[in-house]
């Protein structure tokens, strides 16, 4: 099992972990071909898009941790990509 798959399993746990680092969420989304747009004007919300999804995933970075709600959004987005490609 790859490190990305292990990370996906960790973030998919119930209840959603509350000690997730922004870098982990970023690494997971990028591993599944999400492109990121950094916030302009010093904002804290990073936007992720995928060529095959219409959804936009927004992750707020406050310090180095990510709130559980944003972790769930990222996991659902990856699940949709896996559904598209039969993963």
N, C-alpha and C. Protein backbone atom coordinates (compact mmCIF):
# COMPACT_ATOMS: atom_id res chain seq x y z
N UNK A 1 0.85 -1.17 0.00
CA UNK A 1 0.00 0.00 0.00
C UNK A 1 0.90 1.24 0.00
N UNK A 2 0.61 2.18 -0.87
CA UNK A 2 1.44 3.39 -0.98
C UNK A 2 1.18 4.34 0.18
N UNK A 3 2.07 5.31 0.33
CA UNK A 3 1.91 6.31 1.39
C UNK A 3 0.64 7.13 1.17
N UNK A 4 0.33 7.40 -0.09
CA UNK A 4 -0.88 8.19 -0.39
C UNK A 4 -2.12 7.39 0.00
N UNK A 5 -2.13 6.09 -0.28
CA UNK A 5 -3.27 5.25 0.10
C UNK A 5 -3.40 5.18 1.61
N UNK A 6 -2.29 5.10 2.32
CA UNK A 6 -2.33 5.09 3.78
C UNK A 6 -2.86 6.41 4.32
N UNK A 7 -2.44 7.50 3.70
CA UNK A 7 -2.92 8.82 4.10
C UNK A 7 -4.42 8.93 3.87
N UNK A 8 -4.89 8.43 2.72
CA UNK A 8 -6.32 8.46 2.42
C UNK A 8 -7.10 7.67 3.47
N UNK A 9 -6.59 6.50 3.83
CA UNK A 9 -7.27 5.69 4.86
C UNK A 9 -7.31 6.42 6.20
N UNK A 10 -6.20 7.07 6.55
CA UNK A 10 -6.14 7.80 7.81
C UNK A 10 -7.17 8.92 7.84
N UNK A 11 -7.26 9.67 6.75
CA UNK A 11 -8.19 10.81 6.72
C UNK A 11 -9.64 10.36 6.57
N UNK A 12 -9.86 9.13 6.10
CA UNK A 12 -11.22 8.62 5.91
C UNK A 12 -11.82 8.03 7.17
N UNK A 13 -11.03 7.89 8.22
CA UNK A 13 -11.52 7.27 9.45
C UNK A 13 -12.71 8.00 10.04
N UNK A 14 -13.53 7.24 10.74
CA UNK A 14 -14.66 7.80 11.47
C UNK A 14 -14.37 7.63 12.95
N UNK A 15 -14.51 8.61 13.78
CA UNK A 15 -14.79 9.99 13.43
C UNK A 15 -13.59 10.62 12.71
N UNK A 16 -13.87 11.67 11.99
CA UNK A 16 -12.83 12.35 11.22
C UNK A 16 -11.75 12.86 12.17
N UNK A 17 -10.49 12.58 11.85
CA UNK A 17 -9.40 13.06 12.72
C UNK A 17 -9.40 14.59 12.81
N UNK A 18 -9.00 15.09 13.97
CA UNK A 18 -8.97 16.54 14.17
C UNK A 18 -7.55 17.09 14.20
N UNK A 19 -6.57 16.23 14.04
CA UNK A 19 -5.17 16.67 14.12
C UNK A 19 -4.48 16.60 12.76
N UNK A 20 -5.22 16.88 11.70
CA UNK A 20 -4.70 16.74 10.33
C UNK A 20 -3.98 18.02 9.93
N UNK A 21 -2.81 17.84 9.35
CA UNK A 21 -2.02 18.97 8.88
C UNK A 21 -2.47 19.39 7.48
N UNK A 22 -2.38 20.69 7.22
CA UNK A 22 -2.73 21.20 5.90
C UNK A 22 -1.89 20.52 4.82
N UNK A 23 -0.61 20.31 5.09
CA UNK A 23 0.28 19.69 4.11
C UNK A 23 -0.18 18.28 3.73
N UNK A 24 -0.78 17.55 4.68
CA UNK A 24 -1.29 16.21 4.38
C UNK A 24 -2.48 16.27 3.44
N UNK A 25 -3.39 17.19 3.69
CA UNK A 25 -4.56 17.34 2.82
C UNK A 25 -4.11 17.79 1.43
N UNK A 26 -3.18 18.72 1.38
CA UNK A 26 -2.64 19.20 0.11
C UNK A 26 -1.98 18.06 -0.67
N UNK A 27 -1.17 17.25 0.03
CA UNK A 27 -0.49 16.12 -0.62
C UNK A 27 -1.49 15.11 -1.18
N UNK A 28 -2.55 14.83 -0.40
CA UNK A 28 -3.57 13.88 -0.85
C UNK A 28 -4.26 14.38 -2.12
N UNK A 29 -4.72 15.62 -2.11
CA UNK A 29 -5.44 16.15 -3.26
C UNK A 29 -4.53 16.22 -4.50
N UNK A 30 -3.30 16.65 -4.32
CA UNK A 30 -2.38 16.73 -5.45
C UNK A 30 -2.06 15.34 -6.02
N UNK A 31 -2.00 14.34 -5.15
CA UNK A 31 -1.71 12.98 -5.60
C UNK A 31 -2.80 12.46 -6.52
N UNK A 32 -4.02 12.97 -6.37
CA UNK A 32 -5.14 12.55 -7.21
C UNK A 32 -5.43 13.60 -8.30
N UNK A 33 -4.40 14.35 -8.68
CA UNK A 33 -4.42 15.28 -9.81
C UNK A 33 -5.30 16.50 -9.63
N UNK A 34 -5.50 16.91 -8.41
CA UNK A 34 -6.17 18.18 -8.18
C UNK A 34 -5.15 19.30 -8.36
N UNK A 35 -5.58 20.36 -8.98
CA UNK A 35 -4.75 21.56 -9.16
C UNK A 35 -5.15 22.55 -8.09
N UNK A 36 -4.18 23.28 -7.59
CA UNK A 36 -4.47 24.24 -6.52
C UNK A 36 -4.29 25.67 -6.99
N UNK A 37 -5.12 26.52 -6.44
CA UNK A 37 -4.98 27.96 -6.64
C UNK A 37 -4.76 28.58 -5.27
N UNK A 38 -3.63 29.22 -5.12
CA UNK A 38 -3.31 29.86 -3.84
C UNK A 38 -4.18 31.10 -3.65
N UNK A 39 -4.45 31.42 -2.42
CA UNK A 39 -5.29 32.59 -2.16
C UNK A 39 -4.58 33.87 -2.60
N UNK A 40 -5.37 34.78 -3.11
CA UNK A 40 -4.81 36.07 -3.50
C UNK A 40 -5.04 37.07 -2.38
N UNK A 41 -4.21 38.03 -2.31
CA UNK A 41 -4.39 39.08 -1.31
C UNK A 41 -4.17 38.61 0.12
N UNK A 42 -3.40 37.56 0.31
CA UNK A 42 -3.09 37.11 1.66
C UNK A 42 -4.18 36.32 2.33
N UNK A 43 -5.14 35.80 1.55
CA UNK A 43 -6.23 35.01 2.13
C UNK A 43 -5.75 33.66 2.63
N UNK A 44 -6.64 32.92 3.25
CA UNK A 44 -6.28 31.63 3.84
C UNK A 44 -6.99 30.45 3.19
N UNK A 45 -7.82 30.70 2.18
CA UNK A 45 -8.58 29.62 1.56
C UNK A 45 -7.95 29.20 0.24
N UNK A 46 -7.51 27.96 0.19
CA UNK A 46 -6.90 27.38 -1.00
C UNK A 46 -7.99 26.65 -1.78
N UNK A 47 -7.99 26.82 -3.08
CA UNK A 47 -9.01 26.23 -3.95
C UNK A 47 -8.38 25.11 -4.77
N UNK A 48 -9.06 23.96 -4.82
CA UNK A 48 -8.59 22.80 -5.58
C UNK A 48 -9.64 22.43 -6.62
N UNK A 49 -9.18 22.18 -7.83
CA UNK A 49 -10.07 21.77 -8.91
C UNK A 49 -9.48 20.53 -9.58
N UNK A 50 -10.36 19.74 -10.16
CA UNK A 50 -9.96 18.54 -10.89
C UNK A 50 -10.60 18.62 -12.27
N UNK A 51 -9.85 18.26 -13.30
CA UNK A 51 -10.35 18.36 -14.67
C UNK A 51 -11.62 17.57 -14.91
N UNK A 52 -11.82 16.46 -14.20
CA UNK A 52 -12.97 15.59 -14.44
C UNK A 52 -14.13 15.81 -13.47
N UNK A 53 -14.01 16.77 -12.58
CA UNK A 53 -15.08 17.06 -11.63
C UNK A 53 -15.52 18.51 -11.80
N UNK A 54 -16.80 18.74 -11.60
CA UNK A 54 -17.31 20.10 -11.65
C UNK A 54 -17.16 20.79 -10.30
N UNK A 55 -17.00 20.00 -9.26
CA UNK A 55 -16.91 20.55 -7.91
C UNK A 55 -15.60 21.28 -7.69
N UNK A 56 -15.66 22.28 -6.85
CA UNK A 56 -14.47 23.00 -6.39
C UNK A 56 -14.34 22.71 -4.90
N UNK A 57 -13.15 22.35 -4.48
CA UNK A 57 -12.89 22.06 -3.08
C UNK A 57 -12.10 23.23 -2.51
N UNK A 58 -12.60 23.82 -1.45
CA UNK A 58 -11.92 24.92 -0.79
C UNK A 58 -11.48 24.47 0.59
N UNK A 59 -10.19 24.63 0.87
CA UNK A 59 -9.61 24.23 2.15
C UNK A 59 -9.04 25.47 2.81
N UNK A 60 -9.47 25.73 4.03
CA UNK A 60 -8.96 26.88 4.78
C UNK A 60 -7.73 26.46 5.56
N UNK A 61 -6.69 27.27 5.46
CA UNK A 61 -5.46 27.02 6.20
C UNK A 61 -5.32 28.07 7.28
N UNK A 62 -5.51 27.65 8.51
CA UNK A 62 -5.34 28.53 9.66
C UNK A 62 -4.29 27.87 10.54
N UNK A 63 -3.11 28.44 10.53
CA UNK A 63 -2.00 27.77 11.20
C UNK A 63 -1.57 26.61 10.32
N UNK A 64 -1.28 25.47 10.90
CA UNK A 64 -0.88 24.33 10.09
C UNK A 64 -1.89 23.19 10.15
N UNK A 65 -3.01 23.39 10.82
CA UNK A 65 -4.04 22.34 10.95
C UNK A 65 -5.24 22.66 10.08
N UNK A 66 -6.02 21.60 9.78
CA UNK A 66 -7.23 21.74 8.98
C UNK A 66 -8.40 21.21 9.81
N UNK A 67 -9.50 21.94 9.82
CA UNK A 67 -10.67 21.50 10.56
C UNK A 67 -11.27 20.25 9.93
N UNK A 68 -11.95 19.46 10.74
CA UNK A 68 -12.51 18.17 10.31
C UNK A 68 -13.46 18.33 9.11
N UNK A 69 -14.21 19.40 9.05
CA UNK A 69 -15.15 19.59 7.94
C UNK A 69 -14.41 19.68 6.61
N UNK A 70 -13.26 20.34 6.60
CA UNK A 70 -12.49 20.46 5.37
C UNK A 70 -11.84 19.12 5.00
N UNK A 71 -11.46 18.36 6.01
CA UNK A 71 -10.89 17.03 5.76
C UNK A 71 -11.95 16.16 5.09
N UNK A 72 -13.19 16.21 5.59
CA UNK A 72 -14.28 15.42 5.00
C UNK A 72 -14.53 15.84 3.55
N UNK A 73 -14.47 17.15 3.28
CA UNK A 73 -14.67 17.63 1.91
C UNK A 73 -13.59 17.07 0.98
N UNK A 74 -12.35 17.07 1.43
CA UNK A 74 -11.24 16.55 0.62
C UNK A 74 -11.40 15.06 0.38
N UNK A 75 -11.77 14.32 1.40
CA UNK A 75 -11.95 12.87 1.26
C UNK A 75 -13.09 12.57 0.28
N UNK A 76 -14.20 13.30 0.37
CA UNK A 76 -15.31 13.08 -0.56
C UNK A 76 -14.89 13.39 -2.00
N UNK A 77 -14.09 14.42 -2.18
CA UNK A 77 -13.62 14.76 -3.53
C UNK A 77 -12.75 13.64 -4.10
N UNK A 78 -11.86 13.10 -3.29
CA UNK A 78 -11.01 11.99 -3.74
C UNK A 78 -11.87 10.76 -4.03
N UNK A 79 -12.86 10.50 -3.21
CA UNK A 79 -13.76 9.37 -3.46
C UNK A 79 -14.47 9.50 -4.79
N UNK A 80 -14.88 10.73 -5.14
CA UNK A 80 -15.53 10.94 -6.44
C UNK A 80 -14.56 10.66 -7.60
N UNK A 81 -13.30 11.05 -7.43
CA UNK A 81 -12.30 10.77 -8.47
C UNK A 81 -12.10 9.25 -8.58
N UNK A 82 -12.02 8.58 -7.46
CA UNK A 82 -11.84 7.12 -7.48
C UNK A 82 -13.03 6.43 -8.13
N UNK A 83 -14.23 6.94 -7.88
CA UNK A 83 -15.44 6.38 -8.53
C UNK A 83 -15.38 6.55 -10.05
N UNK A 84 -14.88 7.69 -10.48
CA UNK A 84 -14.78 7.93 -11.94
C UNK A 84 -13.82 6.95 -12.61
N UNK A 85 -12.75 6.64 -11.93
CA UNK A 85 -11.70 5.81 -12.54
C UNK A 85 -11.74 4.36 -12.05
N UNK A 86 -12.77 4.01 -11.30
CA UNK A 86 -12.93 2.62 -10.86
C UNK A 86 -11.92 2.21 -9.83
N UNK A 87 -11.48 3.15 -9.00
CA UNK A 87 -10.45 2.86 -8.00
C UNK A 87 -11.00 2.51 -6.72
